[in-house]
Amino acid sequence: ESIEAFLEKGMTLRLACLKPNGDPFIVPCWHQWEKKEGCTHGKDCGC
């Protein structure tokens, strides 16, 4: 319940990915959370 209330806030998402040469890259971005029915946001989170 706390996780879902938190995700509804609309905080900035900091996304880390990899450049083609393997260097890390991080960017702050907007996001839209879409909940998967029955998800408890554990190991098998499907959101």
ModelCIF file with pLDDT and N, C-alpha, C, O atoms, coordinates in Angstrom:
data_MODEL
#
_entry.id   MODEL 
#
_entity.id                         1 
_entity.type                       polymer 
_entity.pdbx_number_of_molecules   1 
#
_entity_poly.entity_id                      1 
_entity_poly.type                           'polypeptide(L)' 
_entity_poly.nstd_linkage                   no 
_entity_poly.nstd_monomer                   no 
_entity_poly.pdbx_seq_one_letter_code       ESIEAFLEKGMTLRLACLKPNGDPFIVPCWHQWEKKEGCTHGKDCGC 
_entity_poly.pdbx_seq_one_letter_code_can   ESIEAFLEKGMTLRLACLKPNGDPFIVPCWHQWEKKEGCTHGKDCGC 
_entity_poly.pdbx_strand_id                 A 
#
loop_
_entity_poly_seq.entity_id 
_entity_poly_seq.num 
_entity_poly_seq.mon_id 
_entity_poly_seq.hetero 
1 1  GLU n 
1 2  SER n 
1 3  ILE n 
1 4  GLU n 
1 5  ALA n 
1 6  PHE n 
1 7  LEU n 
1 8  GLU n 
1 9  LYS n 
1 10 GLY n 
1 11 MET n 
1 12 THR n 
1 13 LEU n 
1 14 ARG n 
1 15 LEU n 
1 16 ALA n 
1 17 CYS n 
1 18 LEU n 
1 19 LYS n 
1 20 PRO n 
1 21 ASN n 
1 22 GLY n 
1 23 ASP n 
1 24 PRO n 
1 25 PHE n 
1 26 ILE n 
1 27 VAL n 
1 28 PRO n 
1 29 CYS n 
1 30 TRP n 
1 31 HIS n 
1 32 GLN n 
1 33 TRP n 
1 34 GLU n 
1 35 LYS n 
1 36 LYS n 
1 37 GLU n 
1 38 GLY n 
1 39 CYS n 
1 40 THR n 
1 41 HIS n 
1 42 GLY n 
1 43 LYS n 
1 44 ASP n 
1 45 CYS n 
1 46 GLY n 
1 47 CYS n 
#
_struct_asym.id          A 
_struct_asym.entity_id   1 
#
loop_
_ma_qa_metric.id 
_ma_qa_metric.mode 
_ma_qa_metric.name 
_ma_qa_metric.software_group_id 
_ma_qa_metric.type 
1 global pLDDT . pLDDT 
2 local  pLDDT . pLDDT 
#
_ma_qa_metric_global.metric_id      1 
_ma_qa_metric_global.metric_value   86.28 
_ma_qa_metric_global.model_id       1 
_ma_qa_metric_global.ordinal_id     1 
#
loop_
_ma_qa_metric_local.label_asym_id 
_ma_qa_metric_local.label_comp_id 
_ma_qa_metric_local.label_seq_id 
_ma_qa_metric_local.metric_id 
_ma_qa_metric_local.metric_value 
_ma_qa_metric_local.model_id 
_ma_qa_metric_local.ordinal_id 
A GLU 1  2 85.00 1 1  
A SER 2  2 86.00 1 2  
A ILE 3  2 88.00 1 3  
A GLU 4  2 87.00 1 4  
A ALA 5  2 89.00 1 5  
A PHE 6  2 89.00 1 6  
A LEU 7  2 89.00 1 7  
A GLU 8  2 88.00 1 8  
A LYS 9  2 87.00 1 9  
A GLY 10 2 84.00 1 10 
A MET 11 2 93.00 1 11 
A THR 12 2 95.00 1 12 
A LEU 13 2 97.00 1 13 
A ARG 14 2 98.00 1 14 
A LEU 15 2 98.00 1 15 
A ALA 16 2 98.00 1 16 
A CYS 17 2 98.00 1 17 
A LEU 18 2 98.00 1 18 
A LYS 19 2 97.00 1 19 
A PRO 20 2 96.00 1 20 
A ASN 21 2 97.00 1 21 
A GLY 22 2 96.00 1 22 
A ASP 23 2 98.00 1 23 
A PRO 24 2 97.00 1 24 
A PHE 25 2 98.00 1 25 
A ILE 26 2 98.00 1 26 
A VAL 27 2 98.00 1 27 
A PRO 28 2 97.00 1 28 
A CYS 29 2 95.00 1 29 
A TRP 30 2 96.00 1 30 
A HIS 31 2 96.00 1 31 
A GLN 32 2 94.00 1 32 
A TRP 33 2 92.00 1 33 
A GLU 34 2 89.00 1 34 
A LYS 35 2 80.00 1 35 
A LYS 36 2 71.00 1 36 
A GLU 37 2 72.00 1 37 
A GLY 38 2 65.00 1 38 
A CYS 39 2 65.00 1 39 
A THR 40 2 61.00 1 40 
A HIS 41 2 58.00 1 41 
A GLY 42 2 57.00 1 42 
A LYS 43 2 57.00 1 43 
A ASP 44 2 61.00 1 44 
A CYS 45 2 69.00 1 45 
A GLY 46 2 72.00 1 46 
A CYS 47 2 86.00 1 47 
#
loop_
_atom_site.group_PDB 
_atom_site.id 
_atom_site.type_symbol 
_atom_site.label_atom_id 
_atom_site.label_alt_id 
_atom_site.label_comp_id 
_atom_site.label_asym_id 
_atom_site.label_entity_id 
_atom_site.label_seq_id 
_atom_site.pdbx_PDB_ins_code 
_atom_site.Cartn_x 
_atom_site.Cartn_y 
_atom_site.Cartn_z 
_atom_site.occupancy 
_atom_site.B_iso_or_equiv 
_atom_site.pdbx_formal_charge 
_atom_site.auth_seq_id 
_atom_site.auth_comp_id 
_atom_site.auth_asym_id 
_atom_site.auth_atom_id 
_atom_site.pdbx_PDB_model_num 
ATOM 1   N N  . GLU A 1 1  ? 0.830  -1.207  0.000   1.00 85.00 ? 1  GLU A N  1 
ATOM 2   C CA . GLU A 1 1  ? 0.000  0.000   0.000   1.00 85.00 ? 1  GLU A CA 1 
ATOM 3   C C  . GLU A 1 1  ? 0.866  1.259   0.000   1.00 85.00 ? 1  GLU A C  1 
ATOM 4   O O  . GLU A 1 1  ? 0.546  2.233   -0.681  1.00 85.00 ? 1  GLU A O  1 
ATOM 5   N N  . SER A 1 2  ? 1.954  1.241   0.756   1.00 86.00 ? 2  SER A N  1 
ATOM 6   C CA . SER A 1 2  ? 2.847  2.398   0.806   1.00 86.00 ? 2  SER A CA 1 
ATOM 7   C C  . SER A 1 2  ? 3.559  2.594   -0.523  1.00 86.00 ? 2  SER A C  1 
ATOM 8   O O  . SER A 1 2  ? 3.763  3.725   -0.965  1.00 86.00 ? 2  SER A O  1 
ATOM 9   N N  . ILE A 1 3  ? 3.937  1.487   -1.160  1.00 88.00 ? 3  ILE A N  1 
ATOM 10  C CA . ILE A 1 3  ? 4.602  1.566   -2.457  1.00 88.00 ? 3  ILE A CA 1 
ATOM 11  C C  . ILE A 1 3  ? 3.696  2.238   -3.478  1.00 88.00 ? 3  ILE A C  1 
ATOM 12  O O  . ILE A 1 3  ? 4.134  3.123   -4.214  1.00 88.00 ? 3  ILE A O  1 
ATOM 13  N N  . GLU A 1 4  ? 2.451  1.827   -3.526  1.00 87.00 ? 4  GLU A N  1 
ATOM 14  C CA . GLU A 1 4  ? 1.527  2.369   -4.531  1.00 87.00 ? 4  GLU A CA 1 
ATOM 15  C C  . GLU A 1 4  ? 1.209  3.839   -4.270  1.00 87.00 ? 4  GLU A C  1 
ATOM 16  O O  . GLU A 1 4  ? 1.091  4.625   -5.210  1.00 87.00 ? 4  GLU A O  1 
ATOM 17  N N  . ALA A 1 5  ? 1.070  4.210   -3.003  1.00 89.00 ? 5  ALA A N  1 
ATOM 18  C CA . ALA A 1 5  ? 0.846  5.624   -2.679  1.00 89.00 ? 5  ALA A CA 1 
ATOM 19  C C  . ALA A 1 5  ? 2.066  6.450   -3.087  1.00 89.00 ? 5  ALA A C  1 
ATOM 20  O O  . ALA A 1 5  ? 1.934  7.575   -3.567  1.00 89.00 ? 5  ALA A O  1 
ATOM 21  N N  . PHE A 1 6  ? 3.241  5.883   -2.891  1.00 89.00 ? 6  PHE A N  1 
ATOM 22  C CA . PHE A 1 6  ? 4.481  6.569   -3.262  1.00 89.00 ? 6  PHE A CA 1 
ATOM 23  C C  . PHE A 1 6  ? 4.593  6.722   -4.773  1.00 89.00 ? 6  PHE A C  1 
ATOM 24  O O  . PHE A 1 6  ? 4.925  7.804   -5.256  1.00 89.00 ? 6  PHE A O  1 
ATOM 25  N N  . LEU A 1 7  ? 4.323  5.664   -5.526  1.00 89.00 ? 7  LEU A N  1 
ATOM 26  C CA . LEU A 1 7  ? 4.450  5.714   -6.978  1.00 89.00 ? 7  LEU A CA 1 
ATOM 27  C C  . LEU A 1 7  ? 3.435  6.657   -7.619  1.00 89.00 ? 7  LEU A C  1 
ATOM 28  O O  . LEU A 1 7  ? 3.643  7.128   -8.737  1.00 89.00 ? 7  LEU A O  1 
ATOM 29  N N  . GLU A 1 8  ? 2.350  6.929   -6.920  1.00 88.00 ? 8  GLU A N  1 
ATOM 30  C CA . GLU A 1 8  ? 1.341  7.861   -7.435  1.00 88.00 ? 8  GLU A CA 1 
ATOM 31  C C  . GLU A 1 8  ? 1.797  9.312   -7.316  1.00 88.00 ? 8  GLU A C  1 
ATOM 32  O O  . GLU A 1 8  ? 1.202  10.195  -7.934  1.00 88.00 ? 8  GLU A O  1 
ATOM 33  N N  . LYS A 1 9  ? 2.845  9.571   -6.529  1.00 87.00 ? 9  LYS A N  1 
ATOM 34  C CA . LYS A 1 9  ? 3.284  10.949  -6.285  1.00 87.00 ? 9  LYS A CA 1 
ATOM 35  C C  . LYS A 1 9  ? 3.798  11.641  -7.546  1.00 87.00 ? 9  LYS A C  1 
ATOM 36  O O  . LYS A 1 9  ? 3.642  12.853  -7.692  1.00 87.00 ? 9  LYS A O  1 
ATOM 37  N N  . GLY A 1 10 ? 4.400  10.893  -8.445  1.00 84.00 ? 10 GLY A N  1 
ATOM 38  C CA . GLY A 1 10 ? 4.963  11.518  -9.639  1.00 84.00 ? 10 GLY A CA 1 
ATOM 39  C C  . GLY A 1 10 ? 6.344  12.086  -9.414  1.00 84.00 ? 10 GLY A C  1 
ATOM 40  O O  . GLY A 1 10 ? 6.638  13.202  -9.842  1.00 84.00 ? 10 GLY A O  1 
ATOM 41  N N  . MET A 1 11 ? 7.199  11.323  -8.741  1.00 93.00 ? 11 MET A N  1 
ATOM 42  C CA . MET A 1 11 ? 8.582  11.736  -8.553  1.00 93.00 ? 11 MET A CA 1 
ATOM 43  C C  . MET A 1 11 ? 9.382  11.473  -9.831  1.00 93.00 ? 11 MET A C  1 
ATOM 44  O O  . MET A 1 11 ? 8.980  10.666  -10.670 1.00 93.00 ? 11 MET A O  1 
ATOM 45  N N  . THR A 1 12 ? 10.498 12.151  -9.967  1.00 95.00 ? 12 THR A N  1 
ATOM 46  C CA . THR A 1 12 ? 11.371 11.935  -11.120 1.00 95.00 ? 12 THR A CA 1 
ATOM 47  C C  . THR A 1 12 ? 12.000 10.547  -11.047 1.00 95.00 ? 12 THR A C  1 
ATOM 48  O O  . THR A 1 12 ? 12.431 10.102  -9.983  1.00 95.00 ? 12 THR A O  1 
ATOM 49  N N  . LEU A 1 13 ? 12.046 9.877   -12.184 1.00 97.00 ? 13 LEU A N  1 
ATOM 50  C CA . LEU A 1 13 ? 12.698 8.572   -12.285 1.00 97.00 ? 13 LEU A CA 1 
ATOM 51  C C  . LEU A 1 13 ? 14.107 8.787   -12.824 1.00 97.00 ? 13 LEU A C  1 
ATOM 52  O O  . LEU A 1 13 ? 14.300 9.458   -13.838 1.00 97.00 ? 13 LEU A O  1 
ATOM 53  N N  . ARG A 1 14 ? 15.081 8.214   -12.140 1.00 98.00 ? 14 ARG A N  1 
ATOM 54  C CA . ARG A 1 14 ? 16.465 8.285   -12.600 1.00 98.00 ? 14 ARG A CA 1 
ATOM 55  C C  . ARG A 1 14 ? 16.807 6.964   -13.271 1.00 98.00 ? 14 ARG A C  1 
ATOM 56  O O  . ARG A 1 14 ? 16.880 5.918   -12.626 1.00 98.00 ? 14 ARG A O  1 
ATOM 57  N N  . LEU A 1 15 ? 17.013 7.036   -14.559 1.00 98.00 ? 15 LEU A N  1 
ATOM 58  C CA . LEU A 1 15 ? 17.177 5.834   -15.375 1.00 98.00 ? 15 LEU A CA 1 
ATOM 59  C C  . LEU A 1 15 ? 18.629 5.634   -15.764 1.00 98.00 ? 15 LEU A C  1 
ATOM 60  O O  . LEU A 1 15 ? 19.269 6.540   -16.298 1.00 98.00 ? 15 LEU A O  1 
ATOM 61  N N  . ALA A 1 16 ? 19.143 4.454   -15.496 1.00 98.00 ? 16 ALA A N  1 
ATOM 62  C CA . ALA A 1 16 ? 20.516 4.107   -15.866 1.00 98.00 ? 16 ALA A CA 1 
ATOM 63  C C  . ALA A 1 16 ? 20.495 3.048   -16.963 1.00 98.00 ? 16 ALA A C  1 
ATOM 64  O O  . ALA A 1 16 ? 19.784 2.047   -16.870 1.00 98.00 ? 16 ALA A O  1 
ATOM 65  N N  . CYS A 1 17 ? 21.288 3.290   -18.002 1.00 98.00 ? 17 CYS A N  1 
ATOM 66  C CA . CYS A 1 17 ? 21.397 2.336   -19.102 1.00 98.00 ? 17 CYS A CA 1 
ATOM 67  C C  . CYS A 1 17 ? 22.855 2.299   -19.558 1.00 98.00 ? 17 CYS A C  1 
ATOM 68  O O  . CYS A 1 17 ? 23.725 2.881   -18.911 1.00 98.00 ? 17 CYS A O  1 
ATOM 69  N N  . LEU A 1 18 ? 23.114 1.626   -20.655 1.00 98.00 ? 18 LEU A N  1 
ATOM 70  C CA . LEU A 1 18 ? 24.492 1.449   -21.117 1.00 98.00 ? 18 LEU A CA 1 
ATOM 71  C C  . LEU A 1 18 ? 24.692 2.012   -22.519 1.00 98.00 ? 18 LEU A C  1 
ATOM 72  O O  . LEU A 1 18 ? 23.865 1.817   -23.411 1.00 98.00 ? 18 LEU A O  1 
ATOM 73  N N  . LYS A 1 19 ? 25.807 2.713   -22.692 1.00 97.00 ? 19 LYS A N  1 
ATOM 74  C CA . LYS A 1 19 ? 26.203 3.169   -24.019 1.00 97.00 ? 19 LYS A CA 1 
ATOM 75  C C  . LYS A 1 19 ? 26.741 1.977   -24.815 1.00 97.00 ? 19 LYS A C  1 
ATOM 76  O O  . LYS A 1 19 ? 27.079 0.948   -24.231 1.00 97.00 ? 19 LYS A O  1 
ATOM 77  N N  . PRO A 1 20 ? 26.822 2.106   -26.133 1.00 96.00 ? 20 PRO A N  1 
ATOM 78  C CA . PRO A 1 20 ? 27.340 0.990   -26.948 1.00 96.00 ? 20 PRO A CA 1 
ATOM 79  C C  . PRO A 1 20 ? 28.736 0.519   -26.546 1.00 96.00 ? 20 PRO A C  1 
ATOM 80  O O  . PRO A 1 20 ? 29.067 -0.654  -26.723 1.00 96.00 ? 20 PRO A O  1 
ATOM 81  N N  . ASN A 1 21 ? 29.565 1.429   -26.002 1.00 97.00 ? 21 ASN A N  1 
ATOM 82  C CA . ASN A 1 21 ? 30.918 1.027   -25.598 1.00 97.00 ? 21 ASN A CA 1 
ATOM 83  C C  . ASN A 1 21 ? 30.960 0.448   -24.187 1.00 97.00 ? 21 ASN A C  1 
ATOM 84  O O  . ASN A 1 21 ? 32.032 0.112   -23.683 1.00 97.00 ? 21 ASN A O  1 
ATOM 85  N N  . GLY A 1 22 ? 29.789 0.332   -23.546 1.00 96.00 ? 22 GLY A N  1 
ATOM 86  C CA . GLY A 1 22 ? 29.713 -0.250  -22.215 1.00 96.00 ? 22 GLY A CA 1 
ATOM 87  C C  . GLY A 1 22 ? 29.742 0.748   -21.075 1.00 96.00 ? 22 GLY A C  1 
ATOM 88  O O  . GLY A 1 22 ? 29.548 0.368   -19.920 1.00 96.00 ? 22 GLY A O  1 
ATOM 89  N N  . ASP A 1 23 ? 29.983 2.031   -21.377 1.00 98.00 ? 23 ASP A N  1 
ATOM 90  C CA . ASP A 1 23 ? 29.979 3.051   -20.329 1.00 98.00 ? 23 ASP A CA 1 
ATOM 91  C C  . ASP A 1 23 ? 28.559 3.244   -19.790 1.00 98.00 ? 23 ASP A C  1 
ATOM 92  O O  . ASP A 1 23 ? 27.591 3.136   -20.542 1.00 98.00 ? 23 ASP A O  1 
ATOM 93  N N  . PRO A 1 24 ? 28.435 3.530   -18.492 1.00 97.00 ? 24 PRO A N  1 
ATOM 94  C CA . PRO A 1 24 ? 27.105 3.781   -17.933 1.00 97.00 ? 24 PRO A CA 1 
ATOM 95  C C  . PRO A 1 24 ? 26.593 5.166   -18.325 1.00 97.00 ? 24 PRO A C  1 
ATOM 96  O O  . PRO A 1 24 ? 27.373 6.086   -18.572 1.00 97.00 ? 24 PRO A O  1 
ATOM 97  N N  . PHE A 1 25 ? 25.284 5.295   -18.377 1.00 98.00 ? 25 PHE A N  1 
ATOM 98  C CA . PHE A 1 25 ? 24.637 6.572   -18.693 1.00 98.00 ? 25 PHE A CA 1 
ATOM 99  C C  . PHE A 1 25 ? 23.394 6.672   -17.819 1.00 98.00 ? 25 PHE A C  1 
ATOM 100 O O  . PHE A 1 25 ? 22.633 5.713   -17.693 1.00 98.00 ? 25 PHE A O  1 
ATOM 101 N N  . ILE A 1 26 ? 23.196 7.839   -17.217 1.00 98.00 ? 26 ILE A N  1 
ATOM 102 C CA . ILE A 1 26 ? 22.029 8.030   -16.366 1.00 98.00 ? 26 ILE A CA 1 
ATOM 103 C C  . ILE A 1 26 ? 21.307 9.308   -16.744 1.00 98.00 ? 26 ILE A C  1 
ATOM 104 O O  . ILE A 1 26 ? 21.938 10.315  -17.064 1.00 98.00 ? 26 ILE A O  1 
ATOM 105 N N  . VAL A 1 27 ? 19.972 9.267   -16.705 1.00 98.00 ? 27 VAL A N  1 
ATOM 106 C CA . VAL A 1 27 ? 19.178 10.427  -17.095 1.00 98.00 ? 27 VAL A CA 1 
ATOM 107 C C  . VAL A 1 27 ? 17.945 10.517  -16.191 1.00 98.00 ? 27 VAL A C  1 
ATOM 108 O O  . VAL A 1 27 ? 17.290 9.505   -15.940 1.00 98.00 ? 27 VAL A O  1 
ATOM 109 N N  . PRO A 1 28 ? 17.623 11.724  -15.697 1.00 97.00 ? 28 PRO A N  1 
ATOM 110 C CA . PRO A 1 28 ? 16.370 11.913  -14.970 1.00 97.00 ? 28 PRO A CA 1 
ATOM 111 C C  . PRO A 1 28 ? 15.234 12.106  -15.967 1.00 97.00 ? 28 PRO A C  1 
ATOM 112 O O  . PRO A 1 28 ? 15.384 12.857  -16.931 1.00 97.00 ? 28 PRO A O  1 
ATOM 113 N N  . CYS A 1 29 ? 14.121 11.451  -15.754 1.00 95.00 ? 29 CYS A N  1 
ATOM 114 C CA . CYS A 1 29 ? 13.035 11.575  -16.737 1.00 95.00 ? 29 CYS A CA 1 
ATOM 115 C C  . CYS A 1 29 ? 11.664 11.404  -16.078 1.00 95.00 ? 29 CYS A C  1 
ATOM 116 O O  . CYS A 1 29 ? 11.525 10.805  -15.012 1.00 95.00 ? 29 CYS A O  1 
ATOM 117 N N  . TRP A 1 30 ? 10.668 11.953  -16.758 1.00 96.00 ? 30 TRP A N  1 
ATOM 118 C CA . TRP A 1 30 ? 9.286  11.716  -16.370 1.00 96.00 ? 30 TRP A CA 1 
ATOM 119 C C  . TRP A 1 30 ? 8.958  10.256  -16.652 1.00 96.00 ? 30 TRP A C  1 
ATOM 120 O O  . TRP A 1 30 ? 9.570  9.610   -17.503 1.00 96.00 ? 30 TRP A O  1 
ATOM 121 N N  . HIS A 1 31 ? 7.979  9.761   -15.913 1.00 96.00 ? 31 HIS A N  1 
ATOM 122 C CA . HIS A 1 31 ? 7.519  8.405   -16.186 1.00 96.00 ? 31 HIS A CA 1 
ATOM 123 C C  . HIS A 1 31 ? 6.036  8.305   -15.856 1.00 96.00 ? 31 HIS A C  1 
ATOM 124 O O  . HIS A 1 31 ? 5.488  9.134   -15.128 1.00 96.00 ? 31 HIS A O  1 
ATOM 125 N N  . GLN A 1 32 ? 5.407  7.291   -16.396 1.00 94.00 ? 32 GLN A N  1 
ATOM 126 C CA . GLN A 1 32 ? 4.016  7.001   -16.074 1.00 94.00 ? 32 GLN A CA 1 
ATOM 127 C C  . GLN A 1 32 ? 3.925  5.556   -15.612 1.00 94.00 ? 32 GLN A C  1 
ATOM 128 O O  . GLN A 1 32 ? 4.203  4.627   -16.370 1.00 94.00 ? 32 GLN A O  1 
ATOM 129 N N  . TRP A 1 33 ? 3.533  5.383   -14.359 1.00 92.00 ? 33 TRP A N  1 
ATOM 130 C CA . TRP A 1 33 ? 3.446  4.054   -13.771 1.00 92.00 ? 33 TRP A CA 1 
ATOM 131 C C  . TRP A 1 33 ? 2.119  3.397   -14.129 1.00 92.00 ? 33 TRP A C  1 
ATOM 132 O O  . TRP A 1 33 ? 1.057  4.000   -13.971 1.00 92.00 ? 33 TRP A O  1 
ATOM 133 N N  . GLU A 1 34 ? 2.184  2.163   -14.612 1.00 89.00 ? 34 GLU A N  1 
ATOM 134 C CA . GLU A 1 34 ? 0.987  1.388   -14.937 1.00 89.00 ? 34 GLU A CA 1 
ATOM 135 C C  . GLU A 1 34 ? 1.018  0.097   -14.131 1.00 89.00 ? 34 GLU A C  1 
ATOM 136 O O  . GLU A 1 34 ? 1.872  -0.762  -14.352 1.00 89.00 ? 34 GLU A O  1 
ATOM 137 N N  . LYS A 1 35 ? 0.093  -0.034  -13.205 1.00 80.00 ? 35 LYS A N  1 
ATOM 138 C CA . LYS A 1 35 ? 0.088  -1.184  -12.303 1.00 80.00 ? 35 LYS A CA 1 
ATOM 139 C C  . LYS A 1 35 ? -0.424 -2.444  -12.996 1.00 80.00 ? 35 LYS A C  1 
ATOM 140 O O  . LYS A 1 35 ? -1.383 -2.405  -13.766 1.00 80.00 ? 35 LYS A O  1 
ATOM 141 N N  . LYS A 1 36 ? 0.235  -3.552  -12.705 1.00 71.00 ? 36 LYS A N  1 
ATOM 142 C CA . LYS A 1 36 ? -0.251 -4.858  -13.140 1.00 71.00 ? 36 LYS A CA 1 
ATOM 143 C C  . LYS A 1 36 ? -1.180 -5.391  -12.062 1.00 71.00 ? 36 LYS A C  1 
ATOM 144 O O  . LYS A 1 36 ? -0.826 -5.397  -10.884 1.00 71.00 ? 36 LYS A O  1 
ATOM 145 N N  . GLU A 1 37 ? -2.360 -5.835  -12.455 1.00 72.00 ? 37 GLU A N  1 
ATOM 146 C CA . GLU A 1 37 ? -3.346 -6.319  -11.506 1.00 72.00 ? 37 GLU A CA 1 
ATOM 147 C C  . GLU A 1 37 ? -2.754 -7.426  -10.639 1.00 72.00 ? 37 GLU A C  1 
ATOM 148 O O  . GLU A 1 37 ? -2.175 -8.390  -11.140 1.00 72.00 ? 37 GLU A O  1 
ATOM 149 N N  . GLY A 1 38 ? -2.914 -7.263  -9.326  1.00 65.00 ? 38 GLY A N  1 
ATOM 150 C CA . GLY A 1 38 ? -2.441 -8.283  -8.394  1.00 65.00 ? 38 GLY A CA 1 
ATOM 151 C C  . GLY A 1 38 ? -0.976 -8.188  -8.042  1.00 65.00 ? 38 GLY A C  1 
ATOM 152 O O  . GLY A 1 38 ? -0.485 -8.993  -7.251  1.00 65.00 ? 38 GLY A O  1 
ATOM 153 N N  . CYS A 1 39 ? -0.258 -7.225  -8.606  1.00 65.00 ? 39 CYS A N  1 
ATOM 154 C CA . CYS A 1 39 ? 1.178  -7.104  -8.341  1.00 65.00 ? 39 CYS A CA 1 
ATOM 155 C C  . CYS A 1 39 ? 1.415  -6.605  -6.923  1.00 65.00 ? 39 CYS A C  1 
ATOM 156 O O  . CYS A 1 39 ? 0.743  -5.682  -6.462  1.00 65.00 ? 39 CYS A O  1 
ATOM 157 N N  . THR A 1 40 ? 2.375  -7.217  -6.232  1.00 61.00 ? 40 THR A N  1 
ATOM 158 C CA . THR A 1 40 ? 2.748  -6.776  -4.891  1.00 61.00 ? 40 THR A CA 1 
ATOM 159 C C  . THR A 1 40 ? 4.113  -6.092  -4.899  1.00 61.00 ? 40 THR A C  1 
ATOM 160 O O  . THR A 1 40 ? 4.653  -5.755  -3.845  1.00 61.00 ? 40 THR A O  1 
ATOM 161 N N  . HIS A 1 41 ? 4.671  -5.888  -6.110  1.00 58.00 ? 41 HIS A N  1 
ATOM 162 C CA . HIS A 1 41 ? 5.940  -5.164  -6.298  1.00 58.00 ? 41 HIS A CA 1 
ATOM 163 C C  . HIS A 1 41 ? 7.114  -5.897  -5.651  1.00 58.00 ? 41 HIS A C  1 
ATOM 164 O O  . HIS A 1 41 ? 8.052  -5.282  -5.143  1.00 58.00 ? 41 HIS A O  1 
ATOM 165 N N  . GLY A 1 42 ? 7.038  -7.200  -5.683  1.00 57.00 ? 42 GLY A N  1 
ATOM 166 C CA . GLY A 1 42 ? 8.128  -8.011  -5.167  1.00 57.00 ? 42 GLY A CA 1 
ATOM 167 C C  . GLY A 1 42 ? 9.055  -8.441  -6.284  1.00 57.00 ? 42 GLY A C  1 
ATOM 168 O O  . GLY A 1 42 ? 9.230  -7.727  -7.272  1.00 57.00 ? 42 GLY A O  1 
ATOM 169 N N  . LYS A 1 43 ? 9.643  -9.601  -6.123  1.00 57.00 ? 43 LYS A N  1 
ATOM 170 C CA . LYS A 1 43 ? 10.626 -10.092 -7.085  1.00 57.00 ? 43 LYS A CA 1 
ATOM 171 C C  . LYS A 1 43 ? 10.053 -10.208 -8.485  1.00 57.00 ? 43 LYS A C  1 
ATOM 172 O O  . LYS A 1 43 ? 10.747 -9.943  -9.466  1.00 57.00 ? 43 LYS A O  1 
ATOM 173 N N  . ASP A 1 44 ? 8.781  -10.606 -8.584  1.00 61.00 ? 44 ASP A N  1 
ATOM 174 C CA . ASP A 1 44 ? 8.162  -10.818 -9.895  1.00 61.00 ? 44 ASP A CA 1 
ATOM 175 C C  . ASP A 1 44 ? 7.248  -9.667  -10.294 1.00 61.00 ? 44 ASP A C  1 
ATOM 176 O O  . ASP A 1 44 ? 6.217  -9.884  -10.930 1.00 61.00 ? 44 ASP A O  1 
ATOM 177 N N  . CYS A 1 45 ? 7.617  -8.457  -9.927  1.00 69.00 ? 45 CYS A N  1 
ATOM 178 C CA . CYS A 1 45 ? 6.821  -7.274  -10.268 1.00 69.00 ? 45 CYS A CA 1 
ATOM 179 C C  . CYS A 1 45 ? 6.621  -7.198  -11.784 1.00 69.00 ? 45 CYS A C  1 
ATOM 180 O O  . CYS A 1 45 ? 7.583  -7.243  -12.551 1.00 69.00 ? 45 CYS A O  1 
ATOM 181 N N  . GLY A 1 46 ? 5.378  -7.082  -12.195 1.00 72.00 ? 46 GLY A N  1 
ATOM 182 C CA . GLY A 1 46 ? 5.092  -7.031  -13.627 1.00 72.00 ? 46 GLY A CA 1 
ATOM 183 C C  . GLY A 1 46 ? 4.526  -5.702  -14.069 1.00 72.00 ? 46 GLY A C  1 
ATOM 184 O O  . GLY A 1 46 ? 3.939  -5.604  -15.147 1.00 72.00 ? 46 GLY A O  1 
ATOM 185 N N  . CYS A 1 47 ? 4.696  -4.664  -13.242 1.00 86.00 ? 47 CYS A N  1 
ATOM 186 C CA . CYS A 1 47 ? 4.210  -3.333  -13.607 1.00 86.00 ? 47 CYS A CA 1 
ATOM 187 C C  . CYS A 1 47 ? 5.047  -2.763  -14.753 1.00 86.00 ? 47 CYS A C  1 
ATOM 188 O O  . CYS A 1 47 ? 4.795  -1.646  -15.206 1.00 86.00 ? 47 CYS A O  1 
#
